N, C-alpha and C. Protein backbone atom coordinates (compact mmCIF):
# COMPACT_ATOMS: atom_id res chain seq x y z
N MET A 1 80.58 123.96 72.99
CA MET A 1 81.26 123.30 74.08
C MET A 1 81.05 124.12 75.36
N THR A 2 80.66 123.43 76.41
CA THR A 2 80.43 124.09 77.70
C THR A 2 81.74 124.23 78.45
N GLU A 3 81.94 125.38 79.04
CA GLU A 3 83.16 125.61 79.80
C GLU A 3 82.83 125.61 81.28
N TYR A 4 83.57 124.83 82.05
CA TYR A 4 83.35 124.74 83.49
C TYR A 4 84.46 125.48 84.22
N THR A 5 84.09 126.14 85.28
CA THR A 5 85.11 126.76 86.11
C THR A 5 85.39 125.83 87.29
N GLN A 6 86.65 125.66 87.57
CA GLN A 6 87.03 124.77 88.65
C GLN A 6 87.20 125.59 89.94
N GLU A 7 86.43 125.20 90.94
CA GLU A 7 86.53 125.88 92.23
C GLU A 7 87.71 125.32 93.02
N LYS A 8 88.27 126.15 93.86
CA LYS A 8 89.36 125.72 94.73
C LYS A 8 88.79 124.72 95.73
N LYS A 9 89.50 123.60 95.87
CA LYS A 9 89.05 122.57 96.80
C LYS A 9 89.20 123.06 98.23
N LYS A 10 88.20 122.75 99.02
CA LYS A 10 88.28 123.07 100.44
C LYS A 10 89.09 122.00 101.16
N PHE A 11 89.01 120.77 100.67
CA PHE A 11 89.74 119.67 101.26
C PHE A 11 90.16 118.73 100.14
N ASP A 12 91.46 118.47 100.05
CA ASP A 12 91.98 117.57 99.03
C ASP A 12 92.31 116.24 99.70
N CYS A 13 91.42 115.26 99.54
CA CYS A 13 91.60 113.98 100.24
C CYS A 13 92.82 113.23 99.74
N VAL A 14 93.16 113.34 98.47
CA VAL A 14 94.34 112.66 97.96
C VAL A 14 95.60 113.24 98.59
N GLU A 15 95.69 114.55 98.66
CA GLU A 15 96.85 115.18 99.29
C GLU A 15 96.92 114.84 100.78
N PHE A 16 95.77 114.82 101.44
CA PHE A 16 95.72 114.46 102.85
C PHE A 16 96.26 113.05 103.05
N MET A 17 95.82 112.10 102.21
CA MET A 17 96.26 110.71 102.29
C MET A 17 97.76 110.61 102.05
N ARG A 18 98.27 111.35 101.07
CA ARG A 18 99.70 111.31 100.78
C ARG A 18 100.52 111.85 101.95
N GLN A 19 100.05 112.92 102.56
CA GLN A 19 100.76 113.49 103.71
C GLN A 19 100.74 112.53 104.89
N ALA A 20 99.61 111.90 105.13
CA ALA A 20 99.50 110.94 106.23
C ALA A 20 100.42 109.75 105.98
N ARG A 21 100.44 109.25 104.75
CA ARG A 21 101.30 108.11 104.42
C ARG A 21 102.76 108.48 104.61
N ALA A 22 103.16 109.67 104.17
CA ALA A 22 104.55 110.12 104.32
C ALA A 22 104.92 110.24 105.80
N ARG A 23 104.00 110.77 106.62
CA ARG A 23 104.26 110.92 108.06
C ARG A 23 104.43 109.56 108.72
N ILE A 24 103.53 108.63 108.41
CA ILE A 24 103.60 107.29 108.99
C ILE A 24 104.87 106.58 108.54
N THR A 25 105.19 106.67 107.26
CA THR A 25 106.40 106.04 106.74
C THR A 25 107.64 106.56 107.46
N ALA A 26 107.70 107.87 107.69
CA ALA A 26 108.84 108.46 108.40
C ALA A 26 108.89 107.97 109.84
N GLU A 27 107.73 107.83 110.49
CA GLU A 27 107.69 107.41 111.88
C GLU A 27 108.13 105.96 112.06
N ILE A 28 107.80 105.09 111.11
CA ILE A 28 108.10 103.66 111.29
C ILE A 28 109.37 103.23 110.56
N ALA A 29 110.03 104.16 109.90
CA ALA A 29 111.26 103.83 109.17
C ALA A 29 112.28 103.24 110.14
N GLY A 30 112.86 102.13 109.78
CA GLY A 30 113.89 101.51 110.59
C GLY A 30 113.38 100.62 111.70
N MET A 31 112.05 100.53 111.87
CA MET A 31 111.50 99.67 112.92
C MET A 31 111.48 98.22 112.45
N THR A 32 111.61 97.32 113.41
CA THR A 32 111.44 95.90 113.10
C THR A 32 109.94 95.63 112.99
N ALA A 33 109.59 94.46 112.49
CA ALA A 33 108.18 94.10 112.35
C ALA A 33 107.49 94.13 113.71
N GLU A 34 108.15 93.63 114.75
CA GLU A 34 107.56 93.63 116.08
C GLU A 34 107.35 95.05 116.60
N GLU A 35 108.31 95.95 116.34
CA GLU A 35 108.17 97.34 116.75
C GLU A 35 107.01 98.02 116.02
N MET A 36 106.85 97.69 114.72
CA MET A 36 105.73 98.27 113.97
C MET A 36 104.40 97.82 114.53
N VAL A 37 104.26 96.55 114.87
CA VAL A 37 103.02 96.04 115.45
C VAL A 37 102.74 96.77 116.76
N GLU A 38 103.77 96.92 117.59
CA GLU A 38 103.62 97.63 118.86
C GLU A 38 103.19 99.09 118.62
N TRP A 39 103.81 99.73 117.63
CA TRP A 39 103.50 101.12 117.31
C TRP A 39 102.05 101.26 116.87
N PHE A 40 101.61 100.39 115.93
CA PHE A 40 100.22 100.45 115.47
C PHE A 40 99.24 100.15 116.60
N ASN A 41 99.57 99.19 117.45
CA ASN A 41 98.67 98.84 118.56
C ASN A 41 98.58 99.95 119.60
N SER A 42 99.57 100.81 119.66
CA SER A 42 99.56 101.88 120.66
C SER A 42 98.74 103.10 120.22
N LYS A 43 98.37 103.15 118.95
CA LYS A 43 97.62 104.30 118.43
C LYS A 43 96.19 104.31 118.95
N ARG A 44 95.67 105.50 119.22
CA ARG A 44 94.29 105.67 119.64
C ARG A 44 93.59 106.59 118.65
N TYR A 45 92.30 106.38 118.48
CA TYR A 45 91.53 107.13 117.49
C TYR A 45 90.51 108.03 118.16
N SER A 46 90.28 109.21 117.59
CA SER A 46 89.28 110.12 118.15
C SER A 46 87.87 109.68 117.76
N ASP A 47 87.73 108.96 116.67
CA ASP A 47 86.42 108.46 116.24
C ASP A 47 86.08 107.24 117.10
N PRO A 48 84.96 107.26 117.83
CA PRO A 48 84.63 106.14 118.72
C PRO A 48 84.44 104.80 118.00
N VAL A 49 83.94 104.84 116.77
CA VAL A 49 83.76 103.60 116.02
C VAL A 49 85.12 103.00 115.66
N LEU A 50 86.04 103.83 115.15
CA LEU A 50 87.37 103.34 114.82
C LEU A 50 88.10 102.85 116.07
N GLU A 51 87.97 103.56 117.18
CA GLU A 51 88.62 103.15 118.41
C GLU A 51 88.08 101.81 118.89
N ALA A 52 86.76 101.61 118.80
CA ALA A 52 86.16 100.34 119.20
C ALA A 52 86.68 99.20 118.32
N MET A 53 86.78 99.44 117.02
CA MET A 53 87.30 98.42 116.12
C MET A 53 88.75 98.09 116.45
N ALA A 54 89.56 99.13 116.67
CA ALA A 54 90.98 98.93 117.00
C ALA A 54 91.12 98.18 118.32
N ALA A 55 90.28 98.50 119.30
CA ALA A 55 90.33 97.82 120.59
C ALA A 55 90.01 96.34 120.44
N ARG A 56 89.01 96.02 119.60
CA ARG A 56 88.68 94.61 119.36
C ARG A 56 89.84 93.89 118.69
N ILE A 57 90.49 94.55 117.75
CA ILE A 57 91.63 93.93 117.06
C ILE A 57 92.78 93.72 118.04
N ARG A 58 93.06 94.74 118.88
CA ARG A 58 94.13 94.59 119.87
C ARG A 58 93.84 93.42 120.81
N LYS A 59 92.59 93.33 121.29
CA LYS A 59 92.22 92.24 122.19
C LYS A 59 92.35 90.90 121.49
N SER A 60 91.91 90.81 120.25
CA SER A 60 92.02 89.57 119.48
C SER A 60 93.49 89.16 119.34
N ASN A 61 94.34 90.13 119.04
CA ASN A 61 95.77 89.83 118.91
C ASN A 61 96.38 89.38 120.23
N GLU A 62 95.96 90.01 121.33
CA GLU A 62 96.45 89.61 122.65
C GLU A 62 95.99 88.19 122.99
N ASP A 63 94.71 87.90 122.70
CA ASP A 63 94.18 86.56 122.95
C ASP A 63 94.92 85.51 122.13
N ARG A 64 95.19 85.84 120.88
CA ARG A 64 95.90 84.93 120.01
C ARG A 64 97.30 84.68 120.53
N ALA A 65 97.98 85.71 121.03
CA ALA A 65 99.33 85.58 121.55
C ALA A 65 99.33 84.73 122.82
N THR A 66 98.27 84.85 123.64
CA THR A 66 98.15 84.07 124.86
C THR A 66 97.90 82.61 124.54
N ASP A 67 97.07 82.36 123.52
CA ASP A 67 96.76 80.98 123.13
C ASP A 67 97.96 80.28 122.51
N ASN A 68 98.82 81.04 121.85
CA ASN A 68 99.96 80.47 121.15
C ASN A 68 101.18 81.32 121.44
N PRO A 69 101.83 81.18 122.61
CA PRO A 69 102.92 82.06 122.99
C PRO A 69 104.16 81.95 122.11
N ASP A 70 104.26 80.91 121.31
CA ASP A 70 105.44 80.76 120.43
C ASP A 70 105.27 81.45 119.10
N GLY A 71 104.16 82.11 118.88
CA GLY A 71 104.01 82.86 117.62
C GLY A 71 102.73 82.60 117.02
């Protein structure tokens, strides 16, 4: 039987994801659905591709709200 040594992880993506989820959950706790949408739309990303995608989604949501102001 071969024995493998486990190296210490330099980056634990699962732990990172759990920490991010806990931080976001704490930040949006108690918000209404409208407040959560506003909160998510206000976020900016350092990655230019993600920021471009988020900007397109924000614009699409704004256009949709303008086309149908009642919801």
